[in-house]
Amino acid sequence: MTVMTDKLFIIGNGFDLYHGLKTMYSDFRDYIVKKKSGLWNLLHDVYGDTITKDMWWSNFEEMLGHVNYMNLLESNNGIPPSPSKVKNLLKGSLPPLFGEWINKMDANVQRDENLKIDETSLFFSFNYTLLLEKVYGVKDENIWHIHNSVMTPDDIVVGHDSDDRILFSRWNEFKKENNIDFNWNDIIDNINRDVANNAKKVNQRIEINKDRFYELYSGIKHFVVMGFSFNDIDMPYIEKIIGVNENISKVEWKIYYHIEGENEAIIDKLLKLGVNRGSITNPVKW
């Protein structure tokens, strides 16, 4: 593939929210409660009462890696859900339901010419919707939906980045603190494995696609960030994009932000990745 552009848009959920789509994870929570009460109850068994809180859903993907062991052991009169149920929850139920929910979004929104989106540019999107394609006329080949899109709803990637080591460490600490009977080990160990297998495996995805990162992004000179908050789970992607760039000391960064103070937080993260402060133009509040 020959890249004919030197501009890359990095697109996050704030882009969809800006266009009026209700794509917050708390909106997904409301959809689960309305459509899948059984799945909601299973989520409660694994993660506890915190799933009712907006704060849990604002960190939804990260929190999927934080099993509430006390709640798990006390659920259903002391009979925790089987590992197979947890596996089905995280692999067979949650991602397809997420895809179904996203697919119901009303994409009947207007193009915003003020955003100056050049459809001939490249786009690295963390979003699952098709606003870029349907509203802004960007060709499929110019967009990399890194976690897939509603075009393949069953293949959507939603998850945390906690591995087996982290989960087993949390479980061991919990056992020591609460004097838990070791009879629970096999059940919880299997649940931990299934939770770990639901991870995004960001570094693995990057390694598999390392040549593609270089081929597409080594020559980028203009970065435009729209609606991406630089969360910790997805930061390795940004590190890779910057790492393969051959012009990093000369590139221009333009940032769109919504919440007061978010611009400074984003700039701080870019500086820590080696971006020159002088390369970042005045952030735009939208």
C-alpha atoms as a PDB file:
ATOM      1  CA  MET A   1       0.000   0.000   0.000  1.00  0.00           C
ATOM      2  CA  THR A   2       1.383   3.411  -0.983  1.00  0.00           C
ATOM      3  CA  VAL A   3       0.490   6.201   1.433  1.00  0.00           C
ATOM      4  CA  MET A   4      -0.286   9.469  -0.381  1.00  0.00           C
ATOM      5  CA  THR A   5      -1.038  11.675   2.630  1.00  0.00           C
ATOM      6  CA  ASP A   6       0.968  13.054   5.520  1.00  0.00           C
ATOM      7  CA  LYS A   7      -1.989  13.779   7.821  1.00  0.00           C
ATOM      8  CA  LEU A   8      -3.416  11.417  10.439  1.00  0.00           C
ATOM      9  CA  PHE A   9      -6.609  11.943  12.437  1.00  0.00           C
ATOM     10  CA  ILE A  10      -6.743  10.084  15.748  1.00  0.00           C
ATOM     11  CA  ILE A  11     -10.416   9.620  16.583  1.00  0.00           C
ATOM     12  CA  GLY A  12     -11.908   8.776  19.983  1.00  0.00           C
ATOM     13  CA  ASN A  13     -15.373   8.526  21.506  1.00  0.00           C
ATOM     14  CA  GLY A  14     -15.574  12.285  21.998  1.00  0.00           C
ATOM     15  CA  PHE A  15     -15.976  12.530  18.228  1.00  0.00           C
ATOM     16  CA  ASP A  16     -19.201  10.513  18.333  1.00  0.00           C
ATOM     17  CA  LEU A  17     -20.433  12.410  21.393  1.00  0.00           C
ATOM     18  CA  TYR A  18     -19.753  15.726  19.652  1.00  0.00           C
ATOM     19  CA  HIS A  19     -22.043  14.601  16.839  1.00  0.00           C
ATOM     20  CA  GLY A  20     -24.853  13.820  19.278  1.00  0.00           C
ATOM     21  CA  LEU A  21     -24.536  10.047  19.513  1.00  0.00           C
ATOM     22  CA  LYS A  22     -25.122   8.552  22.975  1.00  0.00           C
ATOM     23  CA  THR A  23     -22.069   6.332  22.979  1.00  0.00           C
ATOM     24  CA  MET A  24     -21.007   6.655  26.615  1.00  0.00           C
ATOM     25  CA  TYR A  25     -20.522   3.364  28.427  1.00  0.00           C
ATOM     26  CA  SER A  26     -23.193   4.452  30.915  1.00  0.00           C
ATOM     27  CA  ASP A  27     -25.590   4.484  27.949  1.00  0.00           C
ATOM     28  CA  PHE A  28     -24.560   0.893  27.263  1.00  0.00           C
ATOM     29  CA  ARG A  29     -25.337   0.068  30.903  1.00  0.00           C
ATOM     30  CA  ASP A  30     -28.880   1.377  30.448  1.00  0.00           C
ATOM     31  CA  TYR A  31     -29.225  -0.760  27.317  1.00  0.00           C
ATOM     32  CA  ILE A  32     -28.146  -3.900  29.209  1.00  0.00           C
ATOM     33  CA  VAL A  33     -30.589  -3.220  32.044  1.00  0.00           C
ATOM     34  CA  LYS A  34     -33.419  -2.768  29.551  1.00  0.00           C
ATOM     35  CA  LYS A  35     -32.631  -5.642  27.204  1.00  0.00           C
ATOM     36  CA  LYS A  36     -30.687  -8.301  29.123  1.00  0.00           C
ATOM     37  CA  SER A  37     -31.609  -8.613  32.801  1.00  0.00           C
ATOM     38  CA  GLY A  38     -29.889 -11.999  33.072  1.00  0.00           C
ATOM     39  CA  LEU A  39     -26.618 -10.599  31.773  1.00  0.00           C
ATOM     40  CA  TRP A  40     -26.960  -7.644  34.132  1.00  0.00           C
ATOM     41  CA  ASN A  41     -27.365 -10.000  37.096  1.00  0.00           C
ATOM     42  CA  LEU A  42     -24.283 -11.948  36.041  1.00  0.00           C
ATOM     43  CA  LEU A  43     -22.284  -8.735  35.745  1.00  0.00           C
ATOM     44  CA  HIS A  44     -23.391  -7.927  39.295  1.00  0.00           C
ATOM     45  CA  ASP A  45     -22.234 -11.348  40.529  1.00  0.00           C
ATOM     46  CA  VAL A  46     -18.756 -10.816  39.078  1.00  0.00           C
ATOM     47  CA  TYR A  47     -18.234  -7.097  39.708  1.00  0.00           C
ATOM     48  CA  GLY A  48     -20.569  -6.170  42.557  1.00  0.00           C
ATOM     49  CA  ASP A  49     -22.764  -3.148  43.290  1.00  0.00           C
ATOM     50  CA  THR A  50     -20.302  -0.748  41.670  1.00  0.00           C
ATOM     51  CA  ILE A  51     -21.777  -1.581  38.264  1.00  0.00           C
ATOM     52  CA  THR A  52     -24.700   0.682  39.174  1.00  0.00           C
ATOM     53  CA  LYS A  53     -22.359   3.687  39.444  1.00  0.00           C
ATOM     54  CA  ASP A  54     -21.466   6.045  36.601  1.00  0.00           C
ATOM     55  CA  MET A  55     -17.853   6.046  37.797  1.00  0.00           C
ATOM     56  CA  TRP A  56     -17.531   2.287  37.124  1.00  0.00           C
ATOM     57  CA  TRP A  57     -18.854   2.724  33.595  1.00  0.00           C
ATOM     58  CA  SER A  58     -16.663   5.740  32.885  1.00  0.00           C
ATOM     59  CA  ASN A  59     -13.767   3.277  33.333  1.00  0.00           C
ATOM     60  CA  PHE A  60     -15.723   0.319  31.939  1.00  0.00           C
ATOM     61  CA  GLU A  61     -12.972  -1.433  29.996  1.00  0.00           C
ATOM     62  CA  GLU A  62     -10.436  -1.143  32.801  1.00  0.00           C
ATOM     63  CA  MET A  63     -12.978  -2.262  35.406  1.00  0.00           C
ATOM     64  CA  LEU A  64     -13.731  -5.463  33.471  1.00  0.00           C
ATOM     65  CA  GLY A  65     -10.343  -6.612  34.757  1.00  0.00           C
ATOM     66  CA  HIS A  66     -11.242  -5.979  38.420  1.00  0.00           C
ATOM     67  CA  VAL A  67     -13.226  -8.951  39.723  1.00  0.00           C
ATOM     68  CA  ASN A  68     -15.075  -8.322  42.986  1.00  0.00           C
ATOM     69  CA  TYR A  69     -14.066 -11.541  44.728  1.00  0.00           C
ATOM     70  CA  MET A  70     -16.118 -10.961  47.856  1.00  0.00           C
ATOM     71  CA  ASN A  71     -19.265 -10.401  45.849  1.00  0.00           C
ATOM     72  CA  LEU A  72     -18.412 -13.372  43.640  1.00  0.00           C
ATOM     73  CA  LEU A  73     -18.129 -15.722  46.609  1.00  0.00           C
ATOM     74  CA  GLU A  74     -21.287 -14.427  48.280  1.00  0.00           C
ATOM     75  CA  SER A  75     -23.476 -14.410  45.170  1.00  0.00           C
ATOM     76  CA  ASN A  76     -26.343 -16.901  44.785  1.00  0.00           C
ATOM     77  CA  ASN A  77     -26.210 -18.045  48.418  1.00  0.00           C
ATOM     78  CA  GLY A  78     -22.501 -18.720  48.308  1.00  0.00           C
ATOM     79  CA  ILE A  79     -22.479 -20.461  44.951  1.00  0.00           C
ATOM     80  CA  PRO A  80     -20.453 -18.360  42.496  1.00  0.00           C
ATOM     81  CA  PRO A  81     -21.311 -18.524  38.804  1.00  0.00           C
ATOM     82  CA  SER A  82     -19.514 -21.251  36.907  1.00  0.00           C
ATOM     83  CA  PRO A  83     -16.385 -20.311  34.951  1.00  0.00           C
ATOM     84  CA  SER A  84     -18.248 -21.259  31.770  1.00  0.00           C
ATOM     85  CA  LYS A  85     -20.901 -18.627  32.520  1.00  0.00           C
ATOM     86  CA  VAL A  86     -18.236 -15.990  33.099  1.00  0.00           C
ATOM     87  CA  LYS A  87     -16.475 -17.009  29.892  1.00  0.00           C
ATOM     88  CA  ASN A  88     -19.728 -16.716  27.952  1.00  0.00           C
ATOM     89  CA  LEU A  89     -20.437 -13.357  29.566  1.00  0.00           C
ATOM     90  CA  LEU A  90     -17.147 -11.837  28.453  1.00  0.00           C
ATOM     91  CA  LYS A  91     -16.747 -13.567  25.097  1.00  0.00           C
ATOM     92  CA  GLY A  92     -20.116 -14.802  23.905  1.00  0.00           C
ATOM     93  CA  SER A  93     -22.547 -12.224  25.307  1.00  0.00           C
ATOM     94  CA  LEU A  94     -21.020  -8.842  26.080  1.00  0.00           C
ATOM     95  CA  PRO A  95     -19.159  -7.993  22.820  1.00  0.00           C
ATOM     96  CA  PRO A  96     -22.033  -8.982  20.477  1.00  0.00           C
ATOM     97  CA  LEU A  97     -24.510  -7.068  22.653  1.00  0.00           C
ATOM     98  CA  PHE A  98     -22.168  -4.086  22.550  1.00  0.00           C
ATOM     99  CA  GLY A  99     -22.093  -4.365  18.761  1.00  0.00           C
ATOM    100  CA  GLU A 100     -25.887  -4.582  18.648  1.00  0.00           C
ATOM    101  CA  TRP A 101     -26.174  -1.467  20.793  1.00  0.00           C
ATOM    102  CA  ILE A 102     -23.703   0.528  18.695  1.00  0.00           C
ATOM    103  CA  ASN A 103     -25.428  -0.585  15.512  1.00  0.00           C
ATOM    104  CA  LYS A 104     -28.668   0.997  16.694  1.00  0.00           C
ATOM    105  CA  MET A 105     -27.096   4.448  16.881  1.00  0.00           C
ATOM    106  CA  ASP A 106     -28.813   7.039  14.728  1.00  0.00           C
ATOM    107  CA  ALA A 107     -26.144   8.120  12.259  1.00  0.00           C
ATOM    108  CA  ASN A 108     -28.456  10.743  10.749  1.00  0.00           C
ATOM    109  CA  VAL A 109     -26.148  13.593  11.736  1.00  0.00           C
ATOM    110  CA  GLN A 110     -24.835  16.515   9.751  1.00  0.00           C
ATOM    111  CA  ARG A 111     -21.290  16.972   8.561  1.00  0.00           C
ATOM    112  CA  ASP A 112     -19.524  19.762  10.446  1.00  0.00           C
ATOM    113  CA  GLU A 113     -17.466  21.715   7.940  1.00  0.00           C
ATOM    114  CA  ASN A 114     -15.768  23.620  10.778  1.00  0.00           C
ATOM    115  CA  LEU A 115     -13.858  20.474  11.682  1.00  0.00           C
ATOM    116  CA  LYS A 116     -12.086  20.593   8.332  1.00  0.00           C
ATOM    117  CA  ILE A 117     -11.942  16.842   7.994  1.00  0.00           C
ATOM    118  CA  ASP A 118     -10.076  15.937   4.829  1.00  0.00           C
ATOM    119  CA  GLU A 119     -11.448  12.600   3.642  1.00  0.00           C
ATOM    120  CA  THR A 120      -8.190  11.882   1.803  1.00  0.00           C
ATOM    121  CA  SER A 121      -6.287  11.776   5.113  1.00  0.00           C
ATOM    122  CA  LEU A 122      -5.622   8.683   7.189  1.00  0.00           C
ATOM    123  CA  PHE A 123      -7.716   7.911  10.274  1.00  0.00           C
ATOM    124  CA  PHE A 124      -6.821   5.810  13.298  1.00  0.00           C
ATOM    125  CA  SER A 125     -10.137   5.279  15.061  1.00  0.00           C
ATOM    126  CA  PHE A 126     -10.944   3.846  18.468  1.00  0.00           C
ATOM    127  CA  ASN A 127     -14.654   4.149  17.620  1.00  0.00           C
ATOM    128  CA  TYR A 128     -17.009   1.462  16.400  1.00  0.00           C
ATOM    129  CA  THR A 129     -19.470   3.679  14.531  1.00  0.00           C
ATOM    130  CA  LEU A 130     -19.262   4.597  10.842  1.00  0.00           C
ATOM    131  CA  LEU A 131     -19.592   8.371  11.081  1.00  0.00           C
ATOM    132  CA  LEU A 132     -16.380   8.889   9.168  1.00  0.00           C
ATOM    133  CA  GLU A 133     -17.568   6.690   6.329  1.00  0.00           C
ATOM    134  CA  LYS A 134     -21.229   7.689   6.197  1.00  0.00           C
ATOM    135  CA  VAL A 135     -21.130  11.368   7.173  1.00  0.00           C
ATOM    136  CA  TYR A 136     -17.696  12.498   6.015  1.00  0.00           C
ATOM    137  CA  GLY A 137     -17.260  10.223   3.003  1.00  0.00           C
ATOM    138  CA  VAL A 138     -13.967   8.723   4.109  1.00  0.00           C
ATOM    139  CA  LYS A 139     -13.086   5.544   2.231  1.00  0.00           C
ATOM    140  CA  ASP A 140     -12.801   2.318   4.195  1.00  0.00           C
ATOM    141  CA  GLU A 141      -9.170   1.866   3.227  1.00  0.00           C
ATOM    142  CA  ASN A 142      -8.245   5.192   4.830  1.00  0.00           C
ATOM    143  CA  ILE A 143      -9.629   4.186   8.242  1.00  0.00           C
ATOM    144  CA  TRP A 144      -8.105   1.737  10.662  1.00  0.00           C
ATOM    145  CA  HIS A 145     -10.755   0.801  13.226  1.00  0.00           C
ATOM    146  CA  ILE A 146      -8.253  -0.681  15.624  1.00  0.00           C
ATOM    147  CA  HIS A 147     -10.946  -2.485  17.660  1.00  0.00           C
ATOM    148  CA  ASN A 148     -13.168  -3.216  14.644  1.00  0.00           C
ATOM    149  CA  SER A 149     -16.545  -1.594  13.910  1.00  0.00           C
ATOM    150  CA  VAL A 150     -20.248  -2.261  13.455  1.00  0.00           C
ATOM    151  CA  MET A 151     -19.359  -3.640  10.031  1.00  0.00           C
ATOM    152  CA  THR A 152     -18.382  -6.791  11.950  1.00  0.00           C
ATOM    153  CA  PRO A 153     -20.303  -6.436  15.253  1.00  0.00           C
ATOM    154  CA  ASP A 154     -19.453  -9.935  16.490  1.00  0.00           C
ATOM    155  CA  ASP A 155     -15.734  -9.144  16.205  1.00  0.00           C
ATOM    156  CA  ILE A 156     -15.793  -5.920  18.194  1.00  0.00           C
ATOM    157  CA  VAL A 157     -12.966  -5.759  20.735  1.00  0.00           C
ATOM    158  CA  VAL A 158     -14.061  -4.532  24.160  1.00  0.00           C
ATOM    159  CA  GLY A 159     -11.939  -5.307  27.161  1.00  0.00           C
ATOM    160  CA  HIS A 160      -9.378  -4.481  29.803  1.00  0.00           C
ATOM    161  CA  ASP A 161      -5.622  -5.008  29.819  1.00  0.00           C
ATOM    162  CA  SER A 162      -5.149  -7.067  33.000  1.00  0.00           C
ATOM    163  CA  ASP A 163      -3.284 -10.317  32.424  1.00  0.00           C
ATOM    164  CA  ASP A 164      -3.255 -13.601  34.358  1.00  0.00           C
ATOM    165  CA  ARG A 165      -0.397 -12.448  36.567  1.00  0.00           C
ATOM    166  CA  ILE A 166      -2.237  -9.327  37.720  1.00  0.00           C
ATOM    167  CA  LEU A 167      -5.513 -11.146  38.357  1.00  0.00           C
ATOM    168  CA  PHE A 168      -3.922 -14.010  40.285  1.00  0.00           C
ATOM    169  CA  SER A 169      -1.957 -11.497  42.357  1.00  0.00           C
ATOM    170  CA  ARG A 170      -5.174  -9.677  43.300  1.00  0.00           C
ATOM    171  CA  TRP A 171      -6.837 -12.978  44.187  1.00  0.00           C
ATOM    172  CA  ASN A 172      -3.909 -14.043  46.395  1.00  0.00           C
ATOM    173  CA  GLU A 173      -3.958 -10.723  48.222  1.00  0.00           C
ATOM    174  CA  PHE A 174      -7.705 -11.047  48.724  1.00  0.00           C
ATOM    175  CA  LYS A 175      -7.343 -14.571  50.160  1.00  0.00           C
ATOM    176  CA  LYS A 176      -4.722 -13.451  52.661  1.00  0.00           C
ATOM    177  CA  GLU A 177      -6.721 -10.429  53.780  1.00  0.00           C
ATOM    178  CA  ASN A 178      -9.989 -12.356  54.170  1.00  0.00           C
ATOM    179  CA  ASN A 179      -8.747 -15.810  55.231  1.00  0.00           C
ATOM    180  CA  ILE A 180     -10.524 -17.484  52.316  1.00  0.00           C
ATOM    181  CA  ASP A 181     -10.789 -21.289  52.233  1.00  0.00           C
ATOM    182  CA  PHE A 182      -8.534 -22.750  49.546  1.00  0.00           C
ATOM    183  CA  ASN A 183     -11.457 -24.868  48.321  1.00  0.00           C
ATOM    184  CA  TRP A 184     -12.351 -21.889  46.155  1.00  0.00           C
ATOM    185  CA  ASN A 185      -9.051 -21.933  44.282  1.00  0.00           C
ATOM    186  CA  ASP A 186     -10.039 -24.006  41.260  1.00  0.00           C
ATOM    187  CA  ILE A 187     -13.259 -22.085  40.609  1.00  0.00           C
ATOM    188  CA  ILE A 188     -11.725 -18.629  41.008  1.00  0.00           C
ATOM    189  CA  ASP A 189      -8.571 -19.604  39.113  1.00  0.00           C
ATOM    190  CA  ASN A 190     -10.684 -20.626  36.126  1.00  0.00           C
ATOM    191  CA  ILE A 191     -12.717 -17.426  36.343  1.00  0.00           C
ATOM    192  CA  ASN A 192      -9.509 -15.379  36.512  1.00  0.00           C
ATOM    193  CA  ARG A 193      -8.231 -17.110  33.368  1.00  0.00           C
ATOM    194  CA  ASP A 194     -11.445 -16.371  31.502  1.00  0.00           C
ATOM    195  CA  VAL A 195     -11.366 -12.732  32.603  1.00  0.00           C
ATOM    196  CA  ALA A 196      -7.720 -12.469  31.534  1.00  0.00           C
ATOM    197  CA  ASN A 197      -8.539 -13.982  28.143  1.00  0.00           C
ATOM    198  CA  ASN A 198     -11.000 -11.129  27.596  1.00  0.00           C
ATOM    199  CA  ALA A 199      -8.181  -8.582  27.671  1.00  0.00           C
ATOM    200  CA  LYS A 200      -7.553  -6.436  24.612  1.00  0.00           C
ATOM    201  CA  LYS A 201      -3.960  -7.668  24.515  1.00  0.00           C
ATOM    202  CA  VAL A 202      -2.910  -4.297  23.154  1.00  0.00           C
ATOM    203  CA  ASN A 203       0.807  -5.054  22.932  1.00  0.00           C
ATOM    204  CA  GLN A 204       0.092  -8.299  21.109  1.00  0.00           C
ATOM    205  CA  ARG A 205      -2.121  -6.490  18.593  1.00  0.00           C
ATOM    206  CA  ILE A 206       0.626  -3.935  18.049  1.00  0.00           C
ATOM    207  CA  GLU A 207       3.267  -6.609  17.518  1.00  0.00           C
ATOM    208  CA  ILE A 208       1.116  -8.432  14.975  1.00  0.00           C
ATOM    209  CA  ASN A 209       0.549  -5.182  13.064  1.00  0.00           C
ATOM    210  CA  LYS A 210       3.996  -3.594  13.517  1.00  0.00           C
ATOM    211  CA  ASP A 211       4.720  -3.492   9.789  1.00  0.00           C
ATOM    212  CA  ARG A 212       1.382  -1.858   9.086  1.00  0.00           C
ATOM    213  CA  PHE A 213       2.065   0.864  11.665  1.00  0.00           C
ATOM    214  CA  TYR A 214       5.353   1.697   9.974  1.00  0.00           C
ATOM    215  CA  GLU A 215       3.966   1.529   6.461  1.00  0.00           C
ATOM    216  CA  LEU A 216       1.064   3.857   7.241  1.00  0.00           C
ATOM    217  CA  TYR A 217       2.437   6.277   9.815  1.00  0.00           C
ATOM    218  CA  SER A 218       6.199   6.657   9.395  1.00  0.00           C
ATOM    219  CA  GLY A 219       5.775   9.683   7.135  1.00  0.00           C
ATOM    220  CA  ILE A 220       3.008  11.534   9.002  1.00  0.00           C
ATOM    221  CA  LYS A 221       3.700  15.254   9.505  1.00  0.00           C
ATOM    222  CA  HIS A 222       0.303  16.461  10.766  1.00  0.00           C
ATOM    223  CA  PHE A 223      -1.607  14.859  13.632  1.00  0.00           C
ATOM    224  CA  VAL A 224      -5.168  15.848  14.513  1.00  0.00           C
ATOM    225  CA  VAL A 225      -6.625  14.430  17.738  1.00  0.00           C
ATOM    226  CA  MET A 226     -10.423  14.486  18.031  1.00  0.00           C
ATOM    227  CA  GLY A 227     -12.226  13.086  21.035  1.00  0.00           C
ATOM    228  CA  PHE A 228      -9.452  10.772  22.240  1.00  0.00           C
ATOM    229  CA  SER A 229      -8.592  11.154  25.926  1.00  0.00           C
ATOM    230  CA  PHE A 230      -5.262   9.262  25.882  1.00  0.00           C
ATOM    231  CA  ASN A 231      -6.439   6.668  28.421  1.00  0.00           C
ATOM    232  CA  ASP A 232      -3.795   4.353  29.820  1.00  0.00           C
ATOM    233  CA  ILE A 233      -5.124   1.150  28.210  1.00  0.00           C
ATOM    234  CA  ASP A 234      -4.855   2.545  24.674  1.00  0.00           C
ATOM    235  CA  MET A 235      -1.696   4.619  25.125  1.00  0.00           C
ATOM    236  CA  PRO A 236       0.604   1.906  23.664  1.00  0.00           C
ATOM    237  CA  TYR A 237      -1.037   2.519  20.274  1.00  0.00           C
ATOM    238  CA  ILE A 238      -0.100   6.194  20.442  1.00  0.00           C
ATOM    239  CA  GLU A 239       3.414   5.310  21.568  1.00  0.00           C
ATOM    240  CA  LYS A 240       3.761   3.039  18.534  1.00  0.00           C
ATOM    241  CA  ILE A 241       2.412   5.669  16.131  1.00  0.00           C
ATOM    242  CA  ILE A 242       4.914   8.169  17.491  1.00  0.00           C
ATOM    243  CA  GLY A 243       7.677   5.573  17.659  1.00  0.00           C
ATOM    244  CA  VAL A 244       7.551   4.718  13.950  1.00  0.00           C
ATOM    245  CA  ASN A 245       7.385   8.350  12.859  1.00  0.00           C
ATOM    246  CA  GLU A 246      10.437   9.633  10.999  1.00  0.00           C
ATOM    247  CA  ASN A 247       9.493  13.312  11.397  1.00  0.00           C
ATOM    248  CA  ILE A 248       8.534  13.396  15.068  1.00  0.00           C
ATOM    249  CA  SER A 249      10.665  16.459  15.895  1.00  0.00           C
ATOM    250  CA  LYS A 250       9.011  18.432  13.080  1.00  0.00           C
ATOM    251  CA  VAL A 251       5.399  17.272  13.125  1.00  0.00           C
ATOM    252  CA  GLU A 252       2.399  19.437  13.974  1.00  0.00           C
ATOM    253  CA  TRP A 253      -0.214  18.375  16.539  1.00  0.00           C
ATOM    254  CA  LYS A 254      -3.726  19.821  16.683  1.00  0.00           C
ATOM    255  CA  ILE A 255      -5.942  18.806  19.593  1.00  0.00           C
ATOM    256  CA  TYR A 256      -9.697  19.107  19.998  1.00  0.00           C
ATOM    257  CA  TYR A 257     -10.979  18.787  23.568  1.00  0.00           C
ATOM    258  CA  HIS A 258     -14.273  19.189  25.417  1.00  0.00           C
ATOM    259  CA  ILE A 259     -13.747  19.209  29.188  1.00  0.00           C
ATOM    260  CA  GLU A 260     -11.853  22.035  30.885  1.00  0.00           C
ATOM    261  CA  GLY A 261      -8.355  20.900  31.783  1.00  0.00           C
ATOM    262  CA  GLU A 262      -8.454  17.972  29.372  1.00  0.00           C
ATOM    263  CA  ASN A 263      -6.258  19.879  26.923  1.00  0.00           C
ATOM    264  CA  GLU A 264      -3.472  20.251  29.463  1.00  0.00           C
ATOM    265  CA  ALA A 265      -3.708  16.576  30.448  1.00  0.00           C
ATOM    266  CA  ILE A 266      -3.388  15.552  26.788  1.00  0.00           C
ATOM    267  CA  ILE A 267      -0.457  17.898  26.204  1.00  0.00           C
ATOM    268  CA  ASP A 268       1.286  16.535  29.303  1.00  0.00           C
ATOM    269  CA  LYS A 269       0.961  12.970  27.996  1.00  0.00           C
ATOM    270  CA  LEU A 270       2.302  13.966  24.584  1.00  0.00           C
ATOM    271  CA  LEU A 271       5.291  15.680  26.184  1.00  0.00           C
ATOM    272  CA  LYS A 272       6.046  12.510  28.159  1.00  0.00           C
ATOM    273  CA  LEU A 273       6.092  10.639  24.844  1.00  0.00           C
ATOM    274  CA  GLY A 274       8.788  12.963  23.514  1.00  0.00           C
ATOM    275  CA  VAL A 275       6.645  15.396  21.514  1.00  0.00           C
ATOM    276  CA  ASN A 276       8.012  18.949  21.466  1.00  0.00           C
ATOM    277  CA  ARG A 277       5.729  21.519  23.107  1.00  0.00           C
ATOM    278  CA  GLY A 278       6.317  23.834  20.172  1.00  0.00           C
ATOM    279  CA  SER A 279       4.833  21.228  17.831  1.00  0.00           C
ATOM    280  CA  ILE A 280       1.433  21.458  19.541  1.00  0.00           C
ATOM    281  CA  THR A 281      -0.779  24.256  18.226  1.00  0.00           C
ATOM    282  CA  ASN A 282      -3.339  25.995  20.418  1.00  0.00           C
ATOM    283  CA  PRO A 283      -5.911  23.323  21.418  1.00  0.00           C
ATOM    284  CA  VAL A 284      -9.454  23.815  20.137  1.00  0.00           C
ATOM    285  CA  LYS A 285     -12.384  23.528  22.535  1.00  0.00           C
ATOM    286  CA  TRP A 286     -15.403  22.107  20.765  1.00  0.00           C
END
